[in-house]
Amino acid sequence: MSDGDLTLFEPGQDVTVELVADSSGNVAGLGTLVEISGETSEHTQVQQVETAGAGVATVARLPRNYDDTKSYSNGEVVGEAAVLLRHAVDWVEETTPGSLSAGDKAISDAGGTVAAYDPGGGDTGDMVLGPVWTTLARGQYVADKVAVVRQR
């Protein structure tokens, strides 16, 4: 991505991520849908989908040293993998910088910014743009912005 670009990733793009075990210790296999579970300073972390409708990508490459006979625990890092994105990932300014985390559902807010989805505050499901892919700005033109998976 060059500075100033709106889109971080295009649909169908092969993207490097960190694969982690879900809350039951299950690890997504090839072709399995994954959801965003967090981020590190280098990668978005994904896990096998646990929340209906949360799938954002499909596992395209497993970590090199992945051992399918090993038992994993909740959140354990399996390694660097690759996924194929189902939707574009765009940079969008946060209403309140620093308030969103990777995996949070983001809604469009007044003024063209994004905020956290708050069903208790009157937000409805049709307002959700998608989950936050990363909060880590990559260049001067994306300061105070987060990358959001554009699911609608």
Protein backbone atom coordinates (compact mmCIF):
# COMPACT_ATOMS: atom_id res chain seq x y z
CA MET A 1 0.00 0.00 0.00
CA SER A 2 1.33 3.45 -0.79
CA ASP A 3 0.68 6.36 1.55
CA GLY A 4 -2.71 7.92 0.99
CA ASP A 5 -4.40 4.83 -0.46
CA LEU A 6 -7.86 4.17 0.91
CA THR A 7 -7.77 0.40 0.44
CA LEU A 8 -5.26 -1.71 2.35
CA PHE A 9 -6.33 -5.04 0.76
CA GLU A 10 -8.63 -6.04 -2.09
CA PRO A 11 -11.11 -8.97 -1.97
CA GLY A 12 -9.45 -12.26 -2.90
CA GLN A 13 -6.01 -10.98 -1.98
CA ASP A 14 -3.66 -13.42 -0.24
CA VAL A 15 -2.72 -11.80 3.10
CA THR A 16 -0.25 -12.91 5.77
CA VAL A 17 -1.76 -13.31 9.25
CA GLU A 18 -0.98 -15.00 12.54
CA LEU A 19 -3.11 -18.10 13.11
CA VAL A 20 -4.20 -18.78 16.71
CA ALA A 21 -6.24 -21.52 18.38
CA ASP A 22 -9.86 -20.70 19.26
CA SER A 23 -11.34 -20.86 22.78
CA SER A 24 -11.62 -24.66 22.53
CA GLY A 25 -8.07 -25.10 21.23
CA ASN A 26 -9.23 -25.78 17.66
CA VAL A 27 -7.08 -24.60 14.78
CA ALA A 28 -8.56 -23.59 11.42
CA GLY A 29 -7.51 -25.82 8.54
CA LEU A 30 -7.08 -25.11 4.84
CA GLY A 31 -10.26 -23.68 3.35
CA THR A 32 -11.75 -22.91 6.77
CA LEU A 33 -13.37 -19.53 7.43
CA VAL A 34 -11.65 -17.44 10.09
CA GLU A 35 -12.55 -14.42 12.19
CA ILE A 36 -10.32 -11.69 13.60
CA SER A 37 -9.22 -12.41 17.16
CA GLY A 38 -6.59 -9.72 17.78
CA GLU A 39 -3.38 -8.27 16.45
CA THR A 40 0.33 -8.06 17.15
CA SER A 41 2.78 -5.37 16.09
CA GLU A 42 3.22 -7.27 12.80
CA HIS A 43 0.04 -9.17 11.94
CA THR A 44 -3.69 -9.45 12.39
CA GLN A 45 -4.51 -12.61 14.35
CA VAL A 46 -7.26 -14.93 13.14
CA GLN A 47 -8.94 -18.04 14.49
CA GLN A 48 -11.57 -20.52 13.39
CA VAL A 49 -14.98 -18.80 13.37
CA GLU A 50 -16.76 -19.00 16.74
CA THR A 51 -19.31 -16.23 16.19
CA ALA A 52 -21.91 -16.72 13.46
CA GLY A 53 -21.41 -14.19 10.65
CA ALA A 54 -17.89 -13.22 11.76
CA GLY A 55 -15.96 -14.96 8.97
CA VAL A 56 -13.78 -12.55 7.01
CA ALA A 57 -11.31 -14.80 5.18
CA THR A 58 -10.45 -18.38 4.25
CA VAL A 59 -7.21 -20.11 5.24
CA ALA A 60 -5.04 -20.47 2.12
CA ARG A 61 -1.74 -21.57 3.70
CA LEU A 62 -1.05 -23.11 7.09
CA PRO A 63 2.02 -22.21 9.19
CA ARG A 64 5.18 -24.00 8.04
CA ASN A 65 5.72 -25.80 11.35
CA TYR A 66 2.05 -26.54 12.05
CA ASP A 67 1.59 -29.94 13.71
CA ASP A 68 -1.99 -31.19 13.42
CA THR A 69 -1.31 -33.86 16.08
CA LYS A 70 -0.41 -31.27 18.72
CA SER A 71 -2.99 -30.01 21.25
CA TYR A 72 -3.37 -26.25 21.38
CA SER A 73 -4.90 -24.07 24.08
CA ASN A 74 -7.13 -20.99 23.88
CA GLY A 75 -5.36 -18.17 22.03
CA GLU A 76 -2.13 -20.10 21.51
CA VAL A 77 -0.20 -18.84 18.50
CA VAL A 78 0.14 -21.55 15.85
CA GLY A 79 2.24 -19.47 13.46
CA GLU A 80 2.28 -17.26 10.38
CA ALA A 81 -0.30 -18.30 7.78
CA ALA A 82 -2.03 -16.82 4.75
CA VAL A 83 -5.72 -16.14 4.16
CA LEU A 84 -7.80 -15.12 1.16
CA LEU A 85 -9.95 -12.11 1.98
CA ARG A 86 -13.67 -12.19 1.21
CA HIS A 87 -14.05 -8.37 1.28
CA ALA A 88 -11.96 -5.23 0.83
CA VAL A 89 -10.18 -3.75 3.84
CA ASP A 90 -10.26 0.06 3.91
CA TRP A 91 -8.65 2.73 6.07
CA VAL A 92 -11.26 4.84 7.90
CA GLU A 93 -10.85 7.59 10.49
CA GLU A 94 -11.95 6.76 14.04
CA THR A 95 -14.49 9.01 15.76
CA THR A 96 -12.45 8.65 18.95
CA PRO A 97 -8.85 7.70 18.09
CA GLY A 98 -7.65 4.67 20.03
CA SER A 99 -11.11 3.45 21.00
CA LEU A 100 -11.31 0.47 18.62
CA SER A 101 -9.42 -2.82 18.73
CA ALA A 102 -8.83 -5.49 16.11
CA GLY A 103 -11.98 -7.58 15.74
CA ASP A 104 -14.36 -4.92 17.11
CA LYS A 105 -17.45 -4.32 15.00
CA ALA A 106 -17.28 -0.82 13.50
CA ILE A 107 -20.23 1.33 12.44
CA SER A 108 -20.27 4.45 10.30
CA ASP A 109 -20.68 7.47 12.52
CA ALA A 110 -21.78 11.02 11.84
CA GLY A 111 -19.07 12.91 9.99
CA GLY A 112 -17.83 9.92 7.99
CA THR A 113 -15.81 8.33 10.77
CA VAL A 114 -16.19 4.93 12.45
CA ALA A 115 -17.07 4.04 16.02
CA ALA A 116 -17.61 0.85 17.99
CA TYR A 117 -20.93 -0.94 17.49
CA ASP A 118 -23.08 -0.46 20.60
CA PRO A 119 -26.37 -2.39 20.50
CA GLY A 120 -27.18 -1.12 24.01
CA GLY A 121 -26.81 2.44 22.76
CA GLY A 122 -29.30 2.02 19.95
CA ASP A 123 -27.03 0.76 17.18
CA THR A 124 -28.59 -1.84 14.88
CA GLY A 125 -26.94 -4.67 12.96
CA ASP A 126 -27.51 -2.98 9.60
CA MET A 127 -25.22 -0.14 10.74
CA VAL A 128 -22.17 -2.43 11.01
CA LEU A 129 -19.59 -1.88 8.28
CA GLY A 130 -17.50 -4.84 9.43
CA PRO A 131 -14.81 -5.77 11.95
CA VAL A 132 -11.60 -3.81 12.50
CA TRP A 133 -8.73 -5.58 10.70
CA THR A 134 -5.94 -3.58 12.33
CA THR A 135 -5.43 -0.45 14.40
CA LEU A 136 -1.78 -0.05 13.47
CA ALA A 137 -1.27 2.93 11.16
CA ARG A 138 1.13 2.29 8.31
CA GLY A 139 2.26 5.69 7.04
CA GLN A 140 1.55 9.35 7.67
CA TYR A 141 -1.77 9.44 5.78
CA VAL A 142 -3.43 6.79 7.92
CA ALA A 143 -2.78 8.33 11.35
CA ASP A 144 -5.89 8.16 13.56
CA LYS A 145 -7.36 5.58 11.18
CA VAL A 146 -8.17 1.91 11.49
CA ALA A 147 -8.46 -0.68 8.73
CA VAL A 148 -12.02 -2.04 8.57
CA VAL A 149 -13.22 -5.09 6.63
CA ARG A 150 -15.93 -3.68 4.35
CA GLN A 151 -18.62 -6.35 4.68
CA ARG A 152 -21.39 -4.21 3.23
